[in-house]
Amino acid sequence: MALPQSIRNAGEPWTDQDLAELEELAAENIPPCVIGMRLGRPEKAVVHQATQSGIRLTPRYRPPYGS
């Protein structure tokens, strides 16, 4: 069963603060699904915005949180 996602910001424009937080969380090796929950956006939106912004997300098969 999939985890529910908070999508309170779905469809809203990405702010500079959102992008900075996305970049910070990605640098901490946080999985895209968790980033989505923290930012209130669907996982697909997080992945799309990261790609558009040149932010590298760690592949799912790698352990998160610097393990």
PDB file of N, CA and C in Angstrom:
ATOM      1  N   MET A   1       0.837  -1.180   0.000  1.00  0.00           N
ATOM      2  CA  MET A   1       0.000   0.000   0.000  1.00  0.00           C
ATOM      3  C   MET A   1       0.881   1.242   0.000  1.00  0.00           C
ATOM      4  N   ALA A   2       0.573   2.180  -0.872  1.00  0.00           N
ATOM      5  CA  ALA A   2       1.370   3.397  -0.993  1.00  0.00           C
ATOM      6  C   ALA A   2       1.088   4.333   0.182  1.00  0.00           C
ATOM      7  N   LEU A   3       2.109   5.063   0.563  1.00  0.00           N
ATOM      8  CA  LEU A   3       1.948   6.043   1.633  1.00  0.00           C
ATOM      9  C   LEU A   3       1.180   7.244   1.099  1.00  0.00           C
ATOM     10  N   PRO A   4       0.310   7.833   1.903  1.00  0.00           N
ATOM     11  CA  PRO A   4      -0.392   9.031   1.455  1.00  0.00           C
ATOM     12  C   PRO A   4       0.582  10.199   1.337  1.00  0.00           C
ATOM     13  N   GLN A   5       0.358  11.043   0.345  1.00  0.00           N
ATOM     14  CA  GLN A   5       1.233  12.192   0.145  1.00  0.00           C
ATOM     15  C   GLN A   5       0.478  13.470   0.437  1.00  0.00           C
ATOM     16  N   SER A   6       1.134  14.379   1.096  1.00  0.00           N
ATOM     17  CA  SER A   6       0.556  15.695   1.300  1.00  0.00           C
ATOM     18  C   SER A   6       0.819  16.496   0.037  1.00  0.00           C
ATOM     19  N   ILE A   7      -0.231  17.011  -0.549  1.00  0.00           N
ATOM     20  CA  ILE A   7      -0.054  17.758  -1.796  1.00  0.00           C
ATOM     21  C   ILE A   7      -0.650  19.161  -1.680  1.00  0.00           C
ATOM     22  N   ARG A   8      -0.440  19.779  -0.518  1.00  0.00           N
ATOM     23  CA  ARG A   8      -1.013  21.096  -0.263  1.00  0.00           C
ATOM     24  C   ARG A   8      -0.507  22.152  -1.236  1.00  0.00           C
ATOM     25  N   ASN A   9       0.655  21.958  -1.833  1.00  0.00           N
ATOM     26  CA  ASN A   9       1.222  22.939  -2.761  1.00  0.00           C
ATOM     27  C   ASN A   9       1.190  22.469  -4.214  1.00  0.00           C
ATOM     28  N   ALA A  10       0.480  21.391  -4.479  1.00  0.00           N
ATOM     29  CA  ALA A  10       0.404  20.874  -5.851  1.00  0.00           C
ATOM     30  C   ALA A  10      -0.192  21.933  -6.760  1.00  0.00           C
ATOM     31  N   GLY A  11       0.445  22.145  -7.878  1.00  0.00           N
ATOM     32  CA  GLY A  11      -0.045  23.110  -8.852  1.00  0.00           C
ATOM     33  C   GLY A  11       0.388  24.541  -8.584  1.00  0.00           C
ATOM     34  N   GLU A  12       0.970  24.794  -7.415  1.00  0.00           N
ATOM     35  CA  GLU A  12       1.446  26.137  -7.091  1.00  0.00           C
ATOM     36  C   GLU A  12       2.823  26.354  -7.716  1.00  0.00           C
ATOM     37  N   PRO A  13       3.150  27.587  -8.076  1.00  0.00           N
ATOM     38  CA  PRO A  13       4.491  27.859  -8.613  1.00  0.00           C
ATOM     39  C   PRO A  13       5.565  27.585  -7.560  1.00  0.00           C
ATOM     40  N   TRP A  14       6.722  27.182  -8.026  1.00  0.00           N
ATOM     41  CA  TRP A  14       7.848  26.936  -7.132  1.00  0.00           C
ATOM     42  C   TRP A  14       8.495  28.273  -6.786  1.00  0.00           C
ATOM     43  N   THR A  15       8.688  28.530  -5.505  1.00  0.00           N
ATOM     44  CA  THR A  15       9.341  29.762  -5.064  1.00  0.00           C
ATOM     45  C   THR A  15      10.840  29.509  -4.943  1.00  0.00           C
ATOM     46  N   ASP A  16      11.589  30.591  -4.803  1.00  0.00           N
ATOM     47  CA  ASP A  16      13.035  30.450  -4.577  1.00  0.00           C
ATOM     48  C   ASP A  16      13.308  29.671  -3.301  1.00  0.00           C
ATOM     49  N   GLN A  17      12.473  29.885  -2.295  1.00  0.00           N
ATOM     50  CA  GLN A  17      12.632  29.156  -1.024  1.00  0.00           C
ATOM     51  C   GLN A  17      12.370  27.662  -1.238  1.00  0.00           C
ATOM     52  N   ASP A  18      11.343  27.313  -2.027  1.00  0.00           N
ATOM     53  CA  ASP A  18      11.059  25.905  -2.334  1.00  0.00           C
ATOM     54  C   ASP A  18      12.250  25.259  -3.032  1.00  0.00           C
ATOM     55  N   LEU A  19      12.810  25.974  -3.999  1.00  0.00           N
ATOM     56  CA  LEU A  19      13.949  25.425  -4.745  1.00  0.00           C
ATOM     57  C   LEU A  19      15.172  25.254  -3.851  1.00  0.00           C
ATOM     58  N   ALA A  20      15.393  26.206  -2.956  1.00  0.00           N
ATOM     59  CA  ALA A  20      16.523  26.101  -2.030  1.00  0.00           C
ATOM     60  C   ALA A  20      16.344  24.899  -1.106  1.00  0.00           C
ATOM     61  N   GLU A  21      15.113  24.688  -0.637  1.00  0.00           N
ATOM     62  CA  GLU A  21      14.847  23.545   0.241  1.00  0.00           C
ATOM     63  C   GLU A  21      14.983  22.234  -0.530  1.00  0.00           C
ATOM     64  N   LEU A  22      14.518  22.216  -1.768  1.00  0.00           N
ATOM     65  CA  LEU A  22      14.669  21.031  -2.615  1.00  0.00           C
ATOM     66  C   LEU A  22      16.142  20.689  -2.785  1.00  0.00           C
ATOM     67  N   GLU A  23      16.939  21.692  -3.083  1.00  0.00           N
ATOM     68  CA  GLU A  23      18.377  21.470  -3.270  1.00  0.00           C
ATOM     69  C   GLU A  23      19.038  20.971  -1.988  1.00  0.00           C
ATOM     70  N   GLU A  24      18.655  21.547  -0.856  1.00  0.00           N
ATOM     71  CA  GLU A  24      19.226  21.145   0.431  1.00  0.00           C
ATOM     72  C   GLU A  24      18.856  19.695   0.776  1.00  0.00           C
ATOM     73  N   LEU A  25      17.586  19.358   0.599  1.00  0.00           N
ATOM     74  CA  LEU A  25      17.145  17.997   0.910  1.00  0.00           C
ATOM     75  C   LEU A  25      17.783  16.978  -0.032  1.00  0.00           C
ATOM     76  N   ALA A  26      17.922  17.327  -1.296  1.00  0.00           N
ATOM     77  CA  ALA A  26      18.569  16.429  -2.256  1.00  0.00           C
ATOM     78  C   ALA A  26      20.034  16.208  -1.872  1.00  0.00           C
ATOM     79  N   ALA A  27      20.701  17.263  -1.422  1.00  0.00           N
ATOM     80  CA  ALA A  27      22.101  17.148  -1.007  1.00  0.00           C
ATOM     81  C   ALA A  27      22.249  16.253   0.223  1.00  0.00           C
ATOM     82  N   GLU A  28      21.185  16.169   1.033  1.00  0.00           N
ATOM     83  CA  GLU A  28      21.200  15.316   2.220  1.00  0.00           C
ATOM     84  C   GLU A  28      20.794  13.879   1.898  1.00  0.00           C
ATOM     85  N   ASN A  29      20.614  13.579   0.624  1.00  0.00           N
ATOM     86  CA  ASN A  29      20.280  12.226   0.166  1.00  0.00           C
ATOM     87  C   ASN A  29      18.890  11.793   0.636  1.00  0.00           C
ATOM     88  N   ILE A  30      17.963  12.755   0.748  1.00  0.00           N
ATOM     89  CA  ILE A  30      16.587  12.452   1.143  1.00  0.00           C
ATOM     90  C   ILE A  30      15.857  11.935  -0.103  1.00  0.00           C
ATOM     91  N   PRO A  31      15.120  10.839   0.003  1.00  0.00           N
ATOM     92  CA  PRO A  31      14.406  10.297  -1.157  1.00  0.00           C
ATOM     93  C   PRO A  31      13.343  11.274  -1.677  1.00  0.00           C
ATOM     94  N   PRO A  32      13.092  11.268  -2.985  1.00  0.00           N
ATOM     95  CA  PRO A  32      12.111  12.185  -3.574  1.00  0.00           C
ATOM     96  C   PRO A  32      10.723  12.090  -2.936  1.00  0.00           C
ATOM     97  N   CYS A  33      10.302  10.901  -2.521  1.00  0.00           N
ATOM     98  CA  CYS A  33       8.973  10.780  -1.907  1.00  0.00           C
ATOM     99  C   CYS A  33       8.909  11.531  -0.586  1.00  0.00           C
ATOM    100  N   VAL A  34       9.995  11.532   0.179  1.00  0.00           N
ATOM    101  CA  VAL A  34      10.036  12.249   1.456  1.00  0.00           C
ATOM    102  C   VAL A  34      10.130  13.756   1.197  1.00  0.00           C
ATOM    103  N   ILE A  35      10.920  14.139   0.205  1.00  0.00           N
ATOM    104  CA  ILE A  35      11.005  15.553  -0.171  1.00  0.00           C
ATOM    105  C   ILE A  35       9.613  16.062  -0.541  1.00  0.00           C
ATOM    106  N   GLY A  36       8.880  15.261  -1.301  1.00  0.00           N
ATOM    107  CA  GLY A  36       7.529  15.649  -1.695  1.00  0.00           C
ATOM    108  C   GLY A  36       6.632  15.879  -0.495  1.00  0.00           C
ATOM    109  N   MET A  37       6.707  15.005   0.491  1.00  0.00           N
ATOM    110  CA  MET A  37       5.882  15.173   1.685  1.00  0.00           C
ATOM    111  C   MET A  37       6.278  16.434   2.450  1.00  0.00           C
ATOM    112  N   ARG A  38       7.562  16.698   2.531  1.00  0.00           N
ATOM    113  CA  ARG A  38       8.021  17.885   3.264  1.00  0.00           C
ATOM    114  C   ARG A  38       7.628  19.178   2.556  1.00  0.00           C
ATOM    115  N   LEU A  39       7.656  19.146   1.224  1.00  0.00           N
ATOM    116  CA  LEU A  39       7.327  20.350   0.461  1.00  0.00           C
ATOM    117  C   LEU A  39       5.844  20.434   0.120  1.00  0.00           C
ATOM    118  N   GLY A  40       5.103  19.373   0.404  1.00  0.00           N
ATOM    119  CA  GLY A  40       3.682  19.369   0.103  1.00  0.00           C
ATOM    120  C   GLY A  40       3.400  19.269  -1.385  1.00  0.00           C
ATOM    121  N   ARG A  41       4.218  18.495  -2.087  1.00  0.00           N
ATOM    122  CA  ARG A  41       4.083  18.330  -3.532  1.00  0.00           C
ATOM    123  C   ARG A  41       4.161  16.852  -3.898  1.00  0.00           C
ATOM    124  N   PRO A  42       3.517  16.478  -5.000  1.00  0.00           N
ATOM    125  CA  PRO A  42       3.614  15.081  -5.441  1.00  0.00           C
ATOM    126  C   PRO A  42       5.067  14.725  -5.795  1.00  0.00           C
ATOM    127  N   GLU A  43       5.412  13.465  -5.614  1.00  0.00           N
ATOM    128  CA  GLU A  43       6.777  13.010  -5.909  1.00  0.00           C
ATOM    129  C   GLU A  43       7.157  13.312  -7.361  1.00  0.00           C
ATOM    130  N   LYS A  44       6.223  13.111  -8.284  1.00  0.00           N
ATOM    131  CA  LYS A  44       6.517  13.379  -9.699  1.00  0.00           C
ATOM    132  C   LYS A  44       6.864  14.842  -9.930  1.00  0.00           C
ATOM    133  N   ALA A  45       6.208  15.750  -9.205  1.00  0.00           N
ATOM    134  CA  ALA A  45       6.507  17.175  -9.339  1.00  0.00           C
ATOM    135  C   ALA A  45       7.909  17.487  -8.818  1.00  0.00           C
ATOM    136  N   VAL A  46       8.293  16.823  -7.739  1.00  0.00           N
ATOM    137  CA  VAL A  46       9.633  17.011  -7.174  1.00  0.00           C
ATOM    138  C   VAL A  46      10.695  16.554  -8.179  1.00  0.00           C
ATOM    139  N   VAL A  47      10.493  15.377  -8.738  1.00  0.00           N
ATOM    140  CA  VAL A  47      11.455  14.831  -9.699  1.00  0.00           C
ATOM    141  C   VAL A  47      11.539  15.739 -10.928  1.00  0.00           C
ATOM    142  N   HIS A  48      10.384  16.192 -11.423  1.00  0.00           N
ATOM    143  CA  HIS A  48      10.359  17.070 -12.601  1.00  0.00           C
ATOM    144  C   HIS A  48      11.094  18.379 -12.322  1.00  0.00           C
ATOM    145  N   GLN A  49      10.786  19.007 -11.191  1.00  0.00           N
ATOM    146  CA  GLN A  49      11.424  20.290 -10.875  1.00  0.00           C
ATOM    147  C   GLN A  49      12.921  20.126 -10.659  1.00  0.00           C
ATOM    148  N   ALA A  50      13.331  19.040 -10.018  1.00  0.00           N
ATOM    149  CA  ALA A  50      14.762  18.790  -9.821  1.00  0.00           C
ATOM    150  C   ALA A  50      15.466  18.659 -11.167  1.00  0.00           C
ATOM    151  N   THR A  51      14.854  17.938 -12.083  1.00  0.00           N
ATOM    152  CA  THR A  51      15.429  17.771 -13.422  1.00  0.00           C
ATOM    153  C   THR A  51      15.538  19.118 -14.129  1.00  0.00           C
ATOM    154  N   GLN A  52      14.467  19.903 -14.078  1.00  0.00           N
ATOM    155  CA  GLN A  52      14.448  21.217 -14.729  1.00  0.00           C
ATOM    156  C   GLN A  52      15.476  22.171 -14.118  1.00  0.00           C
ATOM    157  N   SER A  53      15.739  22.024 -12.827  1.00  0.00           N
ATOM    158  CA  SER A  53      16.650  22.926 -12.119  1.00  0.00           C
ATOM    159  C   SER A  53      18.080  22.410 -12.056  1.00  0.00           C
ATOM    160  N   GLY A  54      18.319  21.224 -12.596  1.00  0.00           N
ATOM    161  CA  GLY A  54      19.668  20.658 -12.567  1.00  0.00           C
ATOM    162  C   GLY A  54      20.071  20.135 -11.200  1.00  0.00           C
ATOM    163  N   ILE A  55      19.085  19.782 -10.389  1.00  0.00           N
ATOM    164  CA  ILE A  55      19.358  19.242  -9.059  1.00  0.00           C
ATOM    165  C   ILE A  55      19.347  17.725  -9.160  1.00  0.00           C
ATOM    166  N   ARG A  56      20.412  17.094  -8.708  1.00  0.00           N
ATOM    167  CA  ARG A  56      20.534  15.649  -8.818  1.00  0.00           C
ATOM    168  C   ARG A  56      19.897  14.970  -7.615  1.00  0.00           C
ATOM    169  N   LEU A  57      18.950  14.100  -7.894  1.00  0.00           N
ATOM    170  CA  LEU A  57      18.329  13.299  -6.843  1.00  0.00           C
ATOM    171  C   LEU A  57      19.002  11.937  -6.817  1.00  0.00           C
ATOM    172  N   THR A  58      19.248  11.431  -5.628  1.00  0.00           N
ATOM    173  CA  THR A  58      19.906  10.144  -5.476  1.00  0.00           C
ATOM    174  C   THR A  58      18.980   9.033  -5.947  1.00  0.00           C
ATOM    175  N   PRO A  59      19.510   8.063  -6.669  1.00  0.00           N
ATOM    176  CA  PRO A  59      18.667   6.937  -7.096  1.00  0.00           C
ATOM    177  C   PRO A  59      18.025   6.245  -5.908  1.00  0.00           C
ATOM    178  N   ARG A  60      16.820   5.718  -6.106  1.00  0.00           N
ATOM    179  CA  ARG A  60      16.058   5.073  -5.028  1.00  0.00           C
ATOM    180  C   ARG A  60      16.797   3.912  -4.367  1.00  0.00           C
ATOM    181  N   TYR A  61      17.625   3.211  -5.101  1.00  0.00           N
ATOM    182  CA  TYR A  61      18.234   2.008  -4.563  1.00  0.00           C
ATOM    183  C   TYR A  61      19.382   2.301  -3.609  1.00  0.00           C
ATOM    184  N   ARG A  62      19.762   3.551  -3.453  1.00  0.00           N
ATOM    185  CA  ARG A  62      20.827   3.905  -2.520  1.00  0.00           C
ATOM    186  C   ARG A  62      20.232   4.215  -1.159  1.00  0.00           C
ATOM    187  N   PRO A  63      20.915   3.841  -0.086  1.00  0.00           N
ATOM    188  CA  PRO A  63      20.392   4.100   1.253  1.00  0.00           C
ATOM    189  C   PRO A  63      20.271   5.604   1.496  1.00  0.00           C
ATOM    190  N   PRO A  64      19.167   6.075   2.061  1.00  0.00           N
ATOM    191  CA  PRO A  64      18.987   7.503   2.317  1.00  0.00           C
ATOM    192  C   PRO A  64      19.725   7.975   3.550  1.00  0.00           C
ATOM    193  N   TYR A  65      19.737   9.270   3.715  1.00  0.00           N
ATOM    194  CA  TYR A  65      20.252   9.935   4.913  1.00  0.00           C
ATOM    195  C   TYR A  65      21.728   9.667   5.175  1.00  0.00           C
ATOM    196  N   GLY A  66      22.523   9.573   4.113  1.00  0.00           N
ATOM    197  CA  GLY A  66      23.965   9.451   4.272  1.00  0.00           C
ATOM    198  C   GLY A  66      24.422   8.137   4.869  1.00  0.00           C
ATOM    199  N   SER A  67      23.591   7.088   4.813  1.00  0.00           N
ATOM    200  CA  SER A  67      23.955   5.788   5.395  1.00  0.00           C
ATOM    201  C   SER A  67      25.086   5.142   4.646  1.00  0.00           C
TER     202      SER A  67
END
